[in-house]
Amino acid sequence: MLMASAHAQSALRDAEIEQFLSDYSLPLFEAAGLPAEQIEIHIIGSPDLNAAAGNLHMFVFTGLITEADVPNQIEGVIAHEAGHIAGGHSQRTQEAIQSATRPMMMSLVLGTVAILAGAPDAGMGLIGLGQQVGTSNFLRYSRGQESSADQAGLAYLEATGTSGKGLIDFFRKLRNQQLISSYYDRAQYYSTHPMANDRMSILERKVKESPYYEVEDTEEEIQRLRMIQAKINGFMLDPQATMRKYPLSDQSRPARYARAVAYYRDAQLDKALTEIDRLLEEEPENPFFFELKGQMLFEHGRISESIEPHRKSTELAPQYALLKINLARALVATENRELNGQAIDILKLALNMEKDNYFGWTELARAYSNQGDDTMASLATAEAYFHVGAPHLAHRFATRALDKLPEQTVEWRQASDIVNATRDDALRYQRNNPDSNRPGRFSISGDTSLPAYRR
C-alpha cells in the first residue's frame, strides 16, 4: 500500500496499534453501556492532535498517540469521545460521517489496483491507504455537547478505576501548543471540540475529586506506548527524521524498533534485519516483531524467506486477521500452486474474522485467479467492492459469478445476496453512466476481460 505523507491524512491498519487502542477503549465503551464490539476504531495517519467519534465510529489520529506523554492521556480522550457517542451528539452529522468514510474506503480501490499492478511498496504491515480524509472538520460539537461529554467521560473513567488526570493534561498540552505557531495547525482538537475557560476549571475540579486521581500508568504500560510511538514514527516520518529522533546512541527498545522501520523504508535491509533480530532475541514471543521482519523481507523481494516469520506471527497471535492476510499475501506471491491453496484457506479464516476486510477479499480474488478459478475470483472481487462502498461494481462481479455457480450452493447464495443488495444502485449507476458496461483495463481478480474500476 501507499504510505501516508507527513502532511496527508490517511487511514492506517496495524494489528499492534489497533490492539493497543482496543485494550484501553473496550472497558470505557462497556462502562458507557455502548455495544463495544460494534464500535469501529479507525486510525488516521496524521500528525494532527485530534480524535472524533459518532455513530459507532471512532477516529484516532496518530498525532494524538505520538504526542501523548502517558497512556492515561489517550484513555482520557477516548472516554470523552465515548461520551459523544453515548450522548448521540453526532446523529445530526451521520451523513457527514458517511461522506467522510466512503472516500476513505473508495481509496482502497485505487490502493489495491496499485498493489496488484506491481507497486513496489505494496502491502506494508502499517497500511497507509493514501486517501485524503477530512476528519478534522466533519464533526463539530457545541460547547454544551462538550460539557456533557466531559461529564460522561469522567464517569466512565471512574467506573473503570482510571484517573481523569490524563484528559486534563492533554487539554493543557493542546492549549500550550496552540501558543506555539509551529504547532498551531497540528492542534486541531479545539477546532472541533471548543474549550471554554470555565469548562476547563469545572473539569479540573471534578477530576481532582475522583478517588482515582492519583492512579498512574505502570512502567510496563508506558513502555508499551513508547513502542507504539516508535513504530508510528518509523513509518510516518522520513527515515532521516526518524534517525535524528532515535539516534544510534539511544539503545532502548523503542529506539531500535523505530530504527528497524527507518532502515527498512530507506532500503537498508541488512541494518533493518540486524535491529529486528536483536529485538527478537530479547522478545522471541513478540508476534509484531515477526510481522515486521516478514514485511521487510517481502517488500525487498525475498518472498520465500518472508513466509517463516509471517507464519510465526500467526502462530503466536492467531486472533489477528491482519497477520493472517500478511502471511497469505506472501504465499500467493510465490506463485506456487500448493502454497496458493494454503493462502486460500488462510484467507477464508481471516475473512471469517473480518468479513469487511477489503484487502483480504482482493488477496483472495488474486489467489483464486492464480488457481484458474475465475468464478470464485469474481465472487471475491464482488465482496471487495461491496465492502468498499462501490455497489455498482459489486453487482457487476457478483452477477458474473452467479451465472457460473451451481444453484443453491453457499457461494451461489453469497453472490445472490450481493446482487439483490446492490441491484438498485447498479441500475442507477448505469442510467447515469451509459458507457459503464465497456470492459475496463484492469480487474482485481487478474482477468482483464472483466469489467473493472478504471484507474
Protein backbone atom coordinates (compact mmCIF):
# COMPACT_ATOMS: atom_id res chain seq x y z
CA MET A 1 0.00 0.00 0.00
CA LEU A 2 0.95 3.63 -0.23
CA MET A 3 2.41 5.19 2.90
CA ALA A 4 0.84 8.42 4.07
CA SER A 5 2.96 11.52 3.69
CA ALA A 6 3.67 13.63 6.72
CA HIS A 7 1.01 16.13 5.66
CA ALA A 8 -1.71 13.76 4.46
CA GLN A 9 -4.49 12.22 6.46
CA SER A 10 -4.70 8.53 5.65
CA ALA A 11 -6.40 5.53 7.17
CA LEU A 12 -3.99 3.00 8.66
CA ARG A 13 -4.33 -0.66 9.56
CA ASP A 14 -1.93 -2.25 12.01
CA ALA A 15 -2.72 -5.08 14.41
CA GLU A 16 -0.37 -3.91 17.16
CA ILE A 17 -1.69 -0.35 17.25
CA GLU A 18 -5.30 -1.49 16.96
CA GLN A 19 -4.85 -3.87 19.90
CA PHE A 20 -3.31 -1.09 21.97
CA LEU A 21 -6.30 1.17 21.35
CA SER A 22 -8.77 -1.67 21.87
CA ASP A 23 -7.30 -2.58 25.25
CA TYR A 24 -7.93 0.94 26.51
CA SER A 25 -11.23 1.62 24.77
CA LEU A 26 -13.26 -1.55 25.38
CA PRO A 27 -13.58 -1.10 29.19
CA LEU A 28 -14.64 2.52 28.64
CA PHE A 29 -17.19 1.58 25.97
CA GLU A 30 -18.63 -1.06 28.29
CA ALA A 31 -18.81 1.45 31.16
CA ALA A 32 -20.72 3.75 28.80
CA GLY A 33 -23.23 0.99 28.03
CA LEU A 34 -22.18 1.01 24.39
CA PRO A 35 -22.04 -2.11 22.17
CA ALA A 36 -18.27 -2.26 22.49
CA GLU A 37 -17.71 -4.97 19.88
CA GLN A 38 -19.65 -2.99 17.29
CA ILE A 39 -17.66 0.23 17.59
CA GLU A 40 -15.05 0.55 14.87
CA ILE A 41 -11.86 2.38 15.71
CA HIS A 42 -10.19 3.97 12.69
CA ILE A 43 -6.56 5.08 12.89
CA ILE A 44 -5.86 8.22 10.88
CA GLY A 45 -2.26 8.72 9.83
CA SER A 46 -1.83 12.40 10.52
CA PRO A 47 0.32 14.49 12.89
CA ASP A 48 -2.81 16.40 13.96
CA LEU A 49 -3.65 16.12 17.65
CA ASN A 50 -7.24 15.09 17.16
CA ALA A 51 -9.92 12.47 17.64
CA ALA A 52 -13.56 12.25 16.61
CA ALA A 53 -16.46 9.90 17.19
CA GLY A 54 -20.03 9.23 16.20
CA ASN A 55 -22.44 6.56 15.02
CA LEU A 56 -20.33 3.69 16.39
CA HIS A 57 -17.17 5.00 14.72
CA MET A 58 -14.17 6.49 16.49
CA PHE A 59 -11.29 8.16 14.66
CA VAL A 60 -7.94 8.41 16.44
CA PHE A 61 -5.17 10.42 14.81
CA THR A 62 -1.61 9.13 15.06
CA GLY A 63 -0.57 12.59 16.25
CA LEU A 64 -2.67 12.05 19.37
CA ILE A 65 -0.79 8.81 20.05
CA THR A 66 2.73 10.05 19.33
CA GLU A 67 2.32 13.25 21.35
CA ALA A 68 0.86 11.55 24.43
CA ASP A 69 3.17 11.52 27.44
CA VAL A 70 1.42 8.55 29.06
CA PRO A 71 -1.38 6.15 28.05
CA ASN A 72 -3.76 7.84 30.50
CA GLN A 73 -3.90 10.88 28.22
CA ILE A 74 -5.16 8.70 25.38
CA GLU A 75 -7.61 7.00 27.74
CA GLY A 76 -9.00 10.38 28.71
CA VAL A 77 -9.62 11.38 25.11
CA ILE A 78 -11.23 8.02 24.32
CA ALA A 79 -13.52 8.38 27.35
CA HIS A 80 -14.51 11.86 26.21
CA GLU A 81 -15.26 10.64 22.68
CA ALA A 82 -17.26 7.73 24.11
CA GLY A 83 -19.35 10.41 25.82
CA HIS A 84 -20.14 11.91 22.43
CA ILE A 85 -21.23 8.52 21.08
CA ALA A 86 -23.34 7.68 24.13
CA GLY A 87 -24.90 11.15 24.05
CA GLY A 88 -25.89 10.81 20.41
CA HIS A 89 -24.17 14.11 19.69
CA SER A 90 -23.34 13.14 16.14
CA GLN A 91 -26.76 11.98 14.98
CA ARG A 92 -27.14 15.22 13.09
CA THR A 93 -23.83 14.54 11.32
CA GLN A 94 -24.46 10.97 10.21
CA GLU A 95 -24.37 11.97 6.56
CA ALA A 96 -21.12 13.82 7.16
CA ILE A 97 -19.56 10.71 8.68
CA GLN A 98 -20.72 8.59 5.77
CA SER A 99 -19.35 11.09 3.28
CA ALA A 100 -16.02 11.09 5.11
CA THR A 101 -15.70 7.32 5.43
CA ARG A 102 -16.80 6.48 1.90
CA PRO A 103 -13.87 8.20 0.15
CA MET A 104 -11.67 6.64 2.81
CA MET A 105 -12.87 3.23 1.71
CA MET A 106 -13.07 4.02 -2.00
CA SER A 107 -9.40 4.93 -1.99
CA LEU A 108 -8.76 1.30 -1.12
CA VAL A 109 -9.79 0.53 -4.67
CA LEU A 110 -7.01 2.71 -6.01
CA GLY A 111 -4.55 1.40 -3.45
CA THR A 112 -5.27 -2.22 -4.27
CA VAL A 113 -5.18 -1.60 -8.00
CA ALA A 114 -1.71 -0.16 -7.43
CA ILE A 115 -0.74 -3.24 -5.42
CA LEU A 116 -1.89 -5.73 -7.99
CA ALA A 117 -0.35 -3.68 -10.77
CA GLY A 118 3.01 -4.16 -9.08
CA ALA A 119 3.61 -1.13 -6.87
CA PRO A 120 6.96 -1.78 -5.16
CA ASP A 121 5.86 -0.75 -1.67
CA ALA A 122 2.60 -2.67 -1.65
CA GLY A 123 1.27 -4.41 1.42
CA MET A 124 3.05 -2.75 4.31
CA GLY A 125 2.16 -4.00 7.78
CA LEU A 126 1.32 -0.45 8.73
CA ILE A 127 -1.02 0.18 5.82
CA GLY A 128 -1.38 3.72 4.56
CA LEU A 129 -4.34 3.79 2.21
CA GLY A 130 -3.35 7.06 0.63
CA GLN A 131 -6.66 8.89 0.65
CA GLN A 132 -7.30 12.35 1.92
CA VAL A 133 -9.69 12.14 4.86
CA GLY A 134 -11.16 15.40 6.12
CA THR A 135 -11.89 14.05 9.57
CA SER A 136 -10.69 17.17 11.34
CA ASN A 137 -13.73 19.01 10.04
CA PHE A 138 -16.61 16.55 9.72
CA LEU A 139 -17.59 16.58 13.39
CA ARG A 140 -18.08 19.84 15.22
CA TYR A 141 -19.62 19.88 18.65
CA SER A 142 -21.33 22.64 20.60
CA ARG A 143 -19.97 23.74 23.97
CA GLY A 144 -22.99 22.15 25.61
CA GLN A 145 -22.19 18.83 23.99
CA GLU A 146 -18.56 19.18 25.04
CA SER A 147 -19.55 19.71 28.66
CA SER A 148 -21.88 16.72 28.51
CA ALA A 149 -19.14 14.53 27.00
CA ASP A 150 -16.75 15.72 29.73
CA GLN A 151 -19.09 14.61 32.50
CA ALA A 152 -19.85 11.30 30.82
CA GLY A 153 -16.19 10.62 30.10
CA LEU A 154 -15.22 11.25 33.71
CA ALA A 155 -17.95 8.86 34.85
CA TYR A 156 -16.60 6.15 32.53
CA LEU A 157 -13.05 6.70 33.78
CA GLU A 158 -14.19 6.45 37.40
CA ALA A 159 -16.22 3.31 36.65
CA THR A 160 -13.06 1.65 35.35
CA GLY A 161 -10.88 2.87 38.22
CA THR A 162 -8.96 5.21 35.94
CA SER A 163 -7.68 8.71 36.65
CA GLY A 164 -9.05 11.64 34.68
CA LYS A 165 -5.74 13.46 35.06
CA GLY A 166 -4.67 12.40 31.58
CA LEU A 167 -7.59 14.23 29.99
CA ILE A 168 -6.70 17.44 31.83
CA ASP A 169 -3.03 17.06 30.91
CA PHE A 170 -3.97 16.51 27.28
CA PHE A 171 -6.08 19.67 27.16
CA ARG A 172 -3.22 21.61 28.74
CA LYS A 173 -0.84 20.23 26.15
CA LEU A 174 -3.14 21.37 23.37
CA ARG A 175 -3.52 24.80 24.88
CA ASN A 176 0.24 25.21 25.25
CA GLN A 177 0.90 24.04 21.72
CA GLN A 178 -1.64 26.44 20.29
CA LEU A 179 0.55 29.23 21.64
CA ILE A 180 3.45 27.96 19.53
CA SER A 181 2.99 28.74 15.85
CA SER A 182 4.73 25.58 14.60
CA TYR A 183 2.18 23.51 16.48
CA TYR A 184 -0.90 25.56 15.72
CA ASP A 185 -2.05 23.61 12.68
CA ARG A 186 -1.48 20.33 14.48
CA ALA A 187 -3.66 21.13 17.47
CA GLN A 188 -6.88 20.52 15.57
CA TYR A 189 -8.80 19.15 18.53
CA TYR A 190 -10.01 22.57 19.66
CA SER A 191 -11.37 23.38 16.21
CA THR A 192 -13.90 20.57 16.57
CA HIS A 193 -14.08 20.45 20.38
CA PRO A 194 -14.43 24.05 21.67
CA MET A 195 -12.95 24.61 25.12
CA ALA A 196 -14.11 27.45 27.35
CA ASN A 197 -12.08 28.56 30.39
CA ASP A 198 -14.93 27.89 32.83
CA ARG A 199 -15.41 24.42 31.39
CA MET A 200 -11.74 23.65 31.93
CA SER A 201 -11.97 24.79 35.56
CA ILE A 202 -15.05 22.65 36.22
CA LEU A 203 -13.44 19.65 34.56
CA GLU A 204 -10.24 20.02 36.57
CA ARG A 205 -12.13 20.30 39.86
CA LYS A 206 -14.17 17.17 39.20
CA VAL A 207 -11.10 15.21 38.13
CA LYS A 208 -9.32 16.06 41.37
CA GLU A 209 -12.36 14.94 43.38
CA SER A 210 -12.11 11.41 41.98
CA PRO A 211 -10.73 8.73 44.31
CA TYR A 212 -8.66 7.52 41.35
CA TYR A 213 -6.98 10.86 40.64
CA GLU A 214 -3.55 9.66 41.78
CA VAL A 215 -3.70 6.35 39.87
CA GLU A 216 -0.80 6.31 37.41
CA ASP A 217 0.21 4.21 34.45
CA THR A 218 2.67 1.43 35.19
CA GLU A 219 6.15 1.42 33.68
CA GLU A 220 5.08 -1.54 31.53
CA GLU A 221 2.12 0.43 30.16
CA ILE A 222 4.30 3.44 29.42
CA GLN A 223 6.88 1.24 27.69
CA ARG A 224 4.14 -0.24 25.52
CA LEU A 225 3.11 3.25 24.46
CA ARG A 226 6.72 4.13 23.66
CA MET A 227 6.95 1.09 21.38
CA ILE A 228 3.75 2.07 19.59
CA GLN A 229 5.01 5.63 19.21
CA ALA A 230 8.32 4.39 17.84
CA LYS A 231 6.56 2.23 15.27
CA ILE A 232 4.31 5.06 14.12
CA ASN A 233 7.22 7.48 13.89
CA GLY A 234 9.25 4.94 11.95
CA PHE A 235 6.53 4.61 9.34
CA MET A 236 5.19 8.15 9.27
CA LEU A 237 8.39 10.21 9.47
CA ASP A 238 11.04 10.48 6.81
CA PRO A 239 13.76 7.85 7.59
CA GLN A 240 16.34 10.59 8.21
CA ALA A 241 13.96 12.33 10.61
CA THR A 242 13.45 9.04 12.43
CA MET A 243 17.20 8.59 12.79
CA ARG A 244 17.52 12.08 14.25
CA LYS A 245 14.73 11.38 16.72
CA TYR A 246 16.17 7.96 17.63
CA PRO A 247 19.98 8.27 17.23
CA LEU A 248 22.30 5.28 17.45
CA SER A 249 23.34 6.43 20.90
CA ASP A 250 19.83 5.50 22.07
CA GLN A 251 19.84 1.74 22.57
CA SER A 252 16.38 1.48 24.14
CA ARG A 253 13.90 -0.95 22.63
CA PRO A 254 11.64 1.79 21.24
CA ALA A 255 14.63 3.42 19.53
CA ARG A 256 15.75 0.15 17.97
CA TYR A 257 12.17 -0.54 16.84
CA ALA A 258 11.95 2.86 15.16
CA ARG A 259 15.35 2.44 13.51
CA ALA A 260 14.42 -1.01 12.23
CA VAL A 261 11.46 0.53 10.40
CA ALA A 262 13.52 3.50 9.20
CA TYR A 263 16.29 1.30 7.81
CA TYR A 264 13.73 -0.90 6.08
CA ARG A 265 12.00 2.09 4.49
CA ASP A 266 15.40 3.52 3.48
CA ALA A 267 16.30 0.29 1.62
CA GLN A 268 18.98 -0.63 4.17
CA LEU A 269 17.67 -4.14 4.67
CA ASP A 270 20.75 -5.61 6.35
CA LYS A 271 20.68 -2.95 9.07
CA ALA A 272 16.93 -3.33 9.43
CA LEU A 273 17.22 -7.08 9.90
CA THR A 274 20.02 -6.64 12.42
CA GLU A 275 17.84 -4.36 14.54
CA ILE A 276 14.74 -6.56 14.37
CA ASP A 277 16.74 -9.73 15.07
CA ARG A 278 18.19 -8.11 18.20
CA LEU A 279 14.67 -7.29 19.33
CA LEU A 280 13.55 -10.85 18.64
CA GLU A 281 16.41 -12.21 20.74
CA GLU A 282 15.03 -10.22 23.67
CA GLU A 283 11.34 -10.91 22.93
CA PRO A 284 11.13 -14.18 20.99
CA GLU A 285 7.37 -14.40 21.55
CA ASN A 286 6.51 -10.98 20.13
CA PRO A 287 4.29 -11.57 17.06
CA PHE A 288 4.64 -7.99 15.84
CA PHE A 289 8.42 -8.25 15.59
CA PHE A 290 7.98 -11.34 13.41
CA GLU A 291 5.35 -9.50 11.38
CA LEU A 292 7.75 -6.63 10.72
CA LYS A 293 10.58 -8.98 9.78
CA GLY A 294 8.32 -10.78 7.31
CA GLN A 295 7.22 -7.47 5.89
CA MET A 296 10.81 -6.30 5.44
CA LEU A 297 11.77 -9.44 3.56
CA PHE A 298 8.62 -9.44 1.45
CA GLU A 299 8.96 -5.81 0.40
CA HIS A 300 12.57 -6.38 -0.64
CA GLY A 301 11.64 -9.28 -2.90
CA ARG A 302 12.74 -12.09 -0.59
CA ILE A 303 9.31 -13.68 -0.76
CA SER A 304 10.17 -17.23 0.29
CA GLU A 305 12.18 -16.02 3.29
CA SER A 306 9.29 -13.83 4.41
CA ILE A 307 6.94 -16.78 4.86
CA GLU A 308 8.53 -18.21 8.02
CA PRO A 309 8.37 -15.01 10.12
CA HIS A 310 4.87 -14.27 8.84
CA ARG A 311 3.77 -17.79 9.74
CA LYS A 312 5.38 -17.47 13.16
CA SER A 313 3.47 -14.23 13.80
CA THR A 314 0.16 -16.00 13.13
CA GLU A 315 1.12 -18.91 15.39
CA LEU A 316 1.92 -16.53 18.23
CA ALA A 317 -1.17 -14.38 17.67
CA PRO A 318 -3.85 -16.34 15.78
CA GLN A 319 -6.53 -13.83 16.82
CA TYR A 320 -5.38 -11.17 14.34
CA ALA A 321 -6.85 -11.32 10.86
CA LEU A 322 -4.30 -8.82 9.56
CA LEU A 323 -1.41 -11.15 10.38
CA LYS A 324 -3.11 -13.99 8.53
CA ILE A 325 -3.64 -11.78 5.50
CA ASN A 326 0.05 -10.81 5.50
CA LEU A 327 1.02 -14.49 5.52
CA ALA A 328 -1.45 -15.30 2.76
CA ARG A 329 -0.15 -12.46 0.61
CA ALA A 330 3.37 -13.88 0.84
CA LEU A 331 2.13 -17.38 -0.04
CA VAL A 332 0.23 -16.07 -3.05
CA ALA A 333 3.27 -14.13 -4.25
CA THR A 334 5.34 -17.33 -4.52
CA GLU A 335 3.13 -18.41 -7.46
CA ASN A 336 3.40 -21.94 -6.09
CA ARG A 337 0.12 -23.79 -6.56
CA GLU A 338 0.32 -25.68 -3.25
CA LEU A 339 1.19 -22.54 -1.27
CA ASN A 340 -1.52 -20.65 -3.14
CA GLY A 341 -4.00 -23.26 -1.93
CA GLN A 342 -2.80 -22.72 1.64
CA ALA A 343 -3.31 -18.99 1.15
CA ILE A 344 -6.94 -19.53 0.17
CA ASP A 345 -7.61 -21.49 3.35
CA ILE A 346 -5.87 -18.86 5.50
CA LEU A 347 -7.75 -16.02 3.83
CA LYS A 348 -11.07 -17.75 4.43
CA LEU A 349 -10.23 -17.92 8.14
CA ALA A 350 -9.17 -14.27 8.19
CA LEU A 351 -12.33 -13.15 6.39
CA ASN A 352 -14.49 -15.06 8.84
CA MET A 353 -12.87 -12.85 11.47
CA GLU A 354 -13.11 -9.61 9.46
CA LYS A 355 -15.82 -10.00 6.87
CA ASP A 356 -15.44 -6.43 5.66
CA ASN A 357 -11.66 -6.53 5.12
CA TYR A 358 -11.35 -5.26 1.58
CA PHE A 359 -7.67 -6.13 1.27
CA GLY A 360 -8.36 -9.71 2.36
CA TRP A 361 -11.02 -10.11 -0.33
CA THR A 362 -8.69 -8.73 -3.01
CA GLU A 363 -5.95 -11.16 -2.00
CA LEU A 364 -8.48 -13.99 -2.09
CA ALA A 365 -9.53 -12.87 -5.58
CA ARG A 366 -5.93 -12.96 -6.71
CA ALA A 367 -5.37 -16.38 -5.13
CA TYR A 368 -8.40 -17.83 -6.91
CA SER A 369 -7.28 -16.22 -10.16
CA ASN A 370 -3.86 -17.87 -9.77
CA GLN A 371 -5.66 -21.21 -9.42
CA GLY A 372 -7.58 -20.55 -12.63
CA ASP A 373 -10.90 -20.26 -10.78
CA ASP A 374 -12.26 -17.08 -12.35
CA THR A 375 -15.75 -17.65 -10.94
CA MET A 376 -14.60 -17.59 -7.33
CA ALA A 377 -12.23 -14.74 -8.19
CA SER A 378 -15.22 -12.76 -9.43
CA LEU A 379 -17.17 -13.54 -6.25
CA ALA A 380 -14.28 -12.42 -4.04
CA THR A 381 -13.94 -9.27 -6.13
CA ALA A 382 -17.66 -8.60 -5.69
CA GLU A 383 -17.26 -8.89 -1.92
CA ALA A 384 -14.32 -6.49 -2.05
CA TYR A 385 -16.25 -3.83 -3.92
CA PHE A 386 -19.33 -4.37 -1.76
CA HIS A 387 -17.37 -3.66 1.42
CA VAL A 388 -15.55 -0.71 -0.07
CA GLY A 389 -18.83 1.00 -0.93
CA ALA A 390 -18.87 0.55 -4.71
CA PRO A 391 -22.20 -1.28 -5.15
CA HIS A 392 -22.38 -0.98 -8.95
CA LEU A 393 -19.02 -2.77 -9.25
CA ALA A 394 -20.02 -5.34 -6.63
CA HIS A 395 -23.20 -6.03 -8.60
CA ARG A 396 -21.26 -6.46 -11.83
CA PHE A 397 -18.82 -9.03 -10.46
CA ALA A 398 -21.45 -10.85 -8.39
CA THR A 399 -23.66 -11.21 -11.47
CA ARG A 400 -20.78 -12.72 -13.41
CA ALA A 401 -20.11 -15.19 -10.59
CA LEU A 402 -23.80 -16.02 -10.17
CA ASP A 403 -24.09 -17.05 -13.81
CA LYS A 404 -21.48 -19.77 -13.32
CA LEU A 405 -22.06 -21.01 -9.77
CA PRO A 406 -24.16 -24.13 -9.07
CA GLU A 407 -27.55 -23.07 -7.76
CA GLN A 408 -28.34 -23.22 -4.04
CA THR A 409 -24.71 -23.65 -3.01
CA VAL A 410 -23.27 -21.44 -0.27
CA GLU A 411 -21.33 -19.47 -2.87
CA TRP A 412 -24.41 -19.07 -5.08
CA ARG A 413 -26.37 -17.64 -2.14
CA GLN A 414 -23.46 -15.36 -1.32
CA ALA A 415 -23.44 -13.98 -4.86
CA SER A 416 -27.25 -13.73 -4.87
CA ASP A 417 -27.21 -11.68 -1.68
CA ILE A 418 -24.80 -9.20 -3.22
CA VAL A 419 -26.76 -8.98 -6.48
CA ASN A 420 -30.01 -8.33 -4.62
CA ALA A 421 -28.46 -5.83 -2.22
CA THR A 422 -26.83 -3.79 -5.00
CA ARG A 423 -29.41 -4.02 -7.81
CA ASP A 424 -30.93 -0.56 -7.33
CA ASP A 425 -27.53 1.11 -7.06
CA ALA A 426 -26.30 -0.69 -10.16
CA LEU A 427 -29.34 0.38 -12.20
CA ARG A 428 -28.98 3.95 -11.04
CA TYR A 429 -25.28 3.97 -11.90
CA GLN A 430 -25.97 2.50 -15.33
CA ARG A 431 -28.56 5.19 -16.08
CA ASN A 432 -26.12 7.90 -15.10
CA ASN A 433 -23.14 6.28 -16.84
CA PRO A 434 -24.34 4.66 -20.08
CA ASP A 435 -20.79 3.72 -21.12
CA SER A 436 -20.11 1.85 -17.89
CA ASN A 437 -20.58 -1.58 -19.43
CA ARG A 438 -17.48 -1.22 -21.57
CA PRO A 439 -14.70 -3.59 -20.39
CA GLY A 440 -12.23 -1.96 -18.06
CA ARG A 441 -8.48 -2.09 -18.32
CA PHE A 442 -7.86 -3.85 -15.02
CA SER A 443 -9.70 -6.10 -12.61
CA ILE A 444 -8.87 -7.17 -9.10
CA SER A 445 -9.06 -10.84 -9.98
CA GLY A 446 -6.43 -10.50 -12.68
CA ASP A 447 -8.87 -11.30 -15.50
CA THR A 448 -8.60 -8.18 -17.65
CA SER A 449 -11.68 -9.17 -19.62
CA LEU A 450 -13.83 -8.44 -16.59
CA PRO A 451 -15.40 -5.01 -16.17
CA ALA A 452 -13.37 -3.15 -13.61
CA TYR A 453 -12.75 0.02 -11.75
CA ARG A 454 -10.96 2.44 -14.06
CA ARG A 455 -7.74 3.95 -12.77
